[in-house]
Amino acid sequence: MSSKQDTRTFTQAGTAADPVTGTVKVRFTTSVSHGERMKKLGYTDIALVELPERLTKTDAIAYLLATKPAGVNLDVLAAKEIAIVEQTVRANGEGTGRKRGRPAHEKTAEEIDAAAAKVLAKATKKAERETVRAAKALEVATRKAARETARLAKIATAKTKTETIVTKVVKAAKKAKATKATASATE
């Protein structure tokens, strides 16, 4: 039988204080609006952090412990990590005299740091790719803006030339009318 470890993944993780008891707990979510809902329900000290990718609870806690984001209660995270390991041990039947599945492996500090470094490396690469994409998009937008500016400058120049021609035609028409009126008066 295999391990009964939770394999769900999340996009945000952090801590928040319960509105009734004031107990700070670790929170995991895939919803961007979850923090707003918690605020409306009266939770305090809400500190949800966007994870670099979809992570399991264990990996998300390792990431948060490695990055130490502001506002997140690190003591509660460490306690939750221990609780998850203990839960996995119990679920695998370890320590009960009957072994089910593969024995749970308690992660050492080095393994947690290595997992966190791996997640951070992935996040860094993703951020670098997004930065390059954003730079390319900015370059394309700048070129489009330059073309549009040049097009508008041509239109403005054409408008000015047209206005000049119209002004000359109006003056010539007035002059012709005045000449015709003078010629009629002299006859």
Protein backbone atom coordinates (compact mmCIF):
# COMPACT_ATOMS: atom_id res chain seq x y z
CA MET A 1 0.00 0.00 0.00
CA SER A 2 1.31 3.47 -0.83
CA SER A 3 1.79 6.50 1.40
CA LYS A 4 -1.29 8.54 2.24
CA GLN A 5 0.51 11.84 1.84
CA ASP A 6 -1.57 14.80 0.64
CA THR A 7 -0.73 15.42 -3.04
CA ARG A 8 -2.92 18.48 -3.65
CA THR A 9 -1.11 21.54 -4.94
CA PHE A 10 -1.59 25.21 -4.15
CA THR A 11 -0.66 28.59 -5.65
CA GLN A 12 -0.63 30.58 -2.38
CA ALA A 13 0.34 29.78 1.20
CA GLY A 14 0.86 31.68 4.41
CA THR A 15 -0.58 32.25 7.87
CA ALA A 16 -3.63 33.96 9.34
CA ALA A 17 -5.18 34.38 12.80
CA ASP A 18 -8.63 32.84 13.35
CA PRO A 19 -11.28 35.50 14.12
CA VAL A 20 -12.83 33.54 16.99
CA THR A 21 -9.92 31.92 18.79
CA GLY A 22 -7.07 34.14 17.58
CA THR A 23 -5.06 30.99 16.81
CA VAL A 24 -2.58 31.49 13.99
CA LYS A 25 -2.80 28.70 11.42
CA VAL A 26 -1.14 27.89 8.13
CA ARG A 27 -3.40 28.55 5.15
CA PHE A 28 -3.16 27.13 1.62
CA THR A 29 -5.23 28.20 -1.37
CA THR A 30 -5.48 28.21 -5.14
CA SER A 31 -7.80 31.23 -5.16
CA VAL A 32 -6.41 34.73 -5.50
CA SER A 33 -9.51 36.13 -3.75
CA HIS A 34 -9.16 33.85 -0.69
CA GLY A 35 -7.30 36.53 1.29
CA GLU A 36 -10.11 39.04 0.68
CA ARG A 37 -12.71 36.48 1.80
CA MET A 38 -10.71 35.81 4.96
CA LYS A 39 -10.50 39.55 5.65
CA LYS A 40 -14.29 39.88 5.29
CA LEU A 41 -14.76 36.95 7.69
CA GLY A 42 -12.67 38.73 10.32
CA TYR A 43 -9.33 36.92 10.07
CA THR A 44 -6.36 39.02 11.16
CA ASP A 45 -2.61 38.94 10.49
CA ILE A 46 -3.32 37.55 7.01
CA ALA A 47 -0.07 36.89 5.15
CA LEU A 48 -0.62 34.89 1.97
CA VAL A 49 2.34 34.60 -0.39
CA GLU A 50 2.14 33.80 -4.11
CA LEU A 51 4.12 30.61 -4.67
CA PRO A 52 6.47 30.40 -7.69
CA GLU A 53 4.50 27.40 -9.00
CA ARG A 54 1.85 24.96 -7.81
CA LEU A 55 3.33 23.27 -4.72
CA THR A 56 2.21 20.62 -2.24
CA LYS A 57 1.74 21.65 1.38
CA THR A 58 5.13 20.26 2.37
CA ASP A 59 6.96 21.99 -0.50
CA ALA A 60 5.07 25.25 0.09
CA ILE A 61 6.09 25.24 3.76
CA ALA A 62 9.71 24.49 2.80
CA TYR A 63 9.62 27.39 0.32
CA LEU A 64 8.19 29.80 2.91
CA LEU A 65 10.68 28.70 5.57
CA ALA A 66 13.53 29.25 3.09
CA THR A 67 12.35 32.65 1.81
CA LYS A 68 11.07 33.98 5.18
CA PRO A 69 8.52 36.43 3.71
CA ALA A 70 7.43 39.36 5.85
CA GLY A 71 4.28 38.86 7.90
CA VAL A 72 4.31 35.06 7.74
CA ASN A 73 4.57 33.36 11.15
CA LEU A 74 7.60 31.08 10.73
CA ASP A 75 7.09 29.30 14.08
CA VAL A 76 3.62 28.18 13.00
CA LEU A 77 5.03 27.02 9.65
CA ALA A 78 7.71 24.93 11.36
CA ALA A 79 5.11 23.39 13.69
CA LYS A 80 2.86 22.60 10.71
CA GLU A 81 5.77 20.94 8.91
CA ILE A 82 6.34 18.69 11.93
CA ALA A 83 2.60 17.93 12.13
CA ILE A 84 2.52 16.91 8.46
CA VAL A 85 5.46 14.56 8.97
CA GLU A 86 3.80 13.04 12.06
CA GLN A 87 0.52 12.66 10.17
CA THR A 88 2.33 10.89 7.33
CA VAL A 89 4.03 8.57 9.84
CA ARG A 90 0.67 7.72 11.43
CA ALA A 91 -0.99 7.23 8.04
CA ASN A 92 1.74 4.77 7.05
CA GLY A 93 1.22 2.79 10.25
CA GLU A 94 4.71 3.45 11.51
CA GLY A 95 5.31 3.01 15.21
CA THR A 96 2.15 0.90 15.56
CA GLY A 97 3.79 -2.44 14.99
CA ARG A 98 2.29 -2.82 11.54
CA LYS A 99 4.03 -1.39 8.53
CA ARG A 100 1.97 -0.15 5.62
CA GLY A 101 3.63 1.22 2.56
CA ARG A 102 7.00 2.84 2.45
CA PRO A 103 8.30 4.26 5.74
CA ALA A 104 7.98 8.01 6.03
CA HIS A 105 11.22 9.87 5.74
CA GLU A 106 11.76 12.83 8.00
CA LYS A 107 13.43 15.54 6.04
CA THR A 108 16.68 16.88 7.37
CA ALA A 109 17.42 20.58 7.38
CA GLU A 110 19.74 20.03 4.43
CA GLU A 111 16.99 18.28 2.45
CA ILE A 112 14.55 21.08 3.24
CA ASP A 113 17.13 23.68 2.20
CA ALA A 114 17.85 21.73 -1.00
CA ALA A 115 14.13 21.52 -1.83
CA ALA A 116 13.71 25.22 -1.12
CA ALA A 117 16.78 26.04 -3.26
CA LYS A 118 15.31 23.99 -6.09
CA VAL A 119 11.99 25.83 -5.86
CA LEU A 120 13.80 29.18 -5.68
CA ALA A 121 15.89 28.28 -8.74
CA LYS A 122 12.73 27.42 -10.69
CA ALA A 123 11.11 30.66 -9.55
CA THR A 124 14.18 32.65 -10.57
CA LYS A 125 14.24 31.07 -14.03
CA LYS A 126 10.52 31.74 -14.43
CA ALA A 127 10.99 35.37 -13.37
CA GLU A 128 13.88 35.75 -15.83
CA ARG A 129 11.74 34.33 -18.67
CA GLU A 130 8.90 36.67 -17.76
CA THR A 131 11.30 39.62 -17.65
CA VAL A 132 12.58 38.79 -21.14
CA ARG A 133 9.00 38.44 -22.42
CA ALA A 134 8.06 41.77 -20.85
CA ALA A 135 11.13 43.47 -22.38
CA LYS A 136 10.22 42.10 -25.82
CA ALA A 137 6.61 43.23 -25.41
CA LEU A 138 7.83 46.70 -24.38
CA GLU A 139 10.12 46.83 -27.43
CA VAL A 140 7.23 45.89 -29.74
CA ALA A 141 4.96 48.47 -28.09
CA THR A 142 7.67 51.15 -28.44
CA ARG A 143 8.08 50.39 -32.16
CA LYS A 144 4.29 50.56 -32.66
CA ALA A 145 4.16 53.87 -30.80
CA ALA A 146 6.99 55.26 -32.97
CA ARG A 147 5.16 54.19 -36.17
CA GLU A 148 1.91 55.72 -34.93
CA THR A 149 3.72 58.97 -34.01
CA ALA A 150 5.26 59.13 -37.49
CA ARG A 151 1.85 58.47 -39.10
CA LEU A 152 0.23 61.21 -37.01
CA ALA A 153 3.07 63.62 -37.89
CA LYS A 154 2.44 62.98 -41.60
CA ILE A 155 -1.27 63.62 -41.09
CA ALA A 156 -0.51 66.86 -39.24
CA THR A 157 1.83 67.98 -42.04
CA ALA A 158 -0.79 67.16 -44.69
CA LYS A 159 -3.43 69.03 -42.70
CA THR A 160 -1.18 72.09 -42.47
CA LYS A 161 -0.50 72.01 -46.23
CA THR A 162 -4.23 71.63 -46.95
CA GLU A 163 -5.07 74.57 -44.69
CA THR A 164 -2.41 76.69 -46.46
CA ILE A 165 -3.84 75.80 -49.90
CA VAL A 166 -7.41 76.51 -48.75
CA THR A 167 -6.31 79.89 -47.36
CA LYS A 168 -4.64 80.78 -50.70
CA VAL A 169 -7.74 79.69 -52.66
CA VAL A 170 -10.02 81.76 -50.42
CA LYS A 171 -7.75 84.81 -50.83
CA ALA A 172 -7.63 84.31 -54.61
CA ALA A 173 -11.44 83.97 -54.74
CA LYS A 174 -11.88 87.17 -52.69
CA LYS A 175 -9.36 88.95 -54.92
CA ALA A 176 -11.14 87.72 -58.08
CA LYS A 177 -14.50 88.83 -56.68
CA ALA A 178 -13.09 92.21 -55.76
CA THR A 179 -11.54 92.58 -59.23
CA LYS A 180 -14.84 91.58 -60.86
CA ALA A 181 -16.72 94.06 -58.69
CA THR A 182 -14.25 96.82 -59.60
CA ALA A 183 -14.50 95.95 -63.27
CA SER A 184 -18.31 96.06 -63.11
CA ALA A 185 -18.23 99.42 -61.39
CA THR A 186 -15.92 100.98 -63.95
CA GLU A 187 -18.06 99.87 -66.92
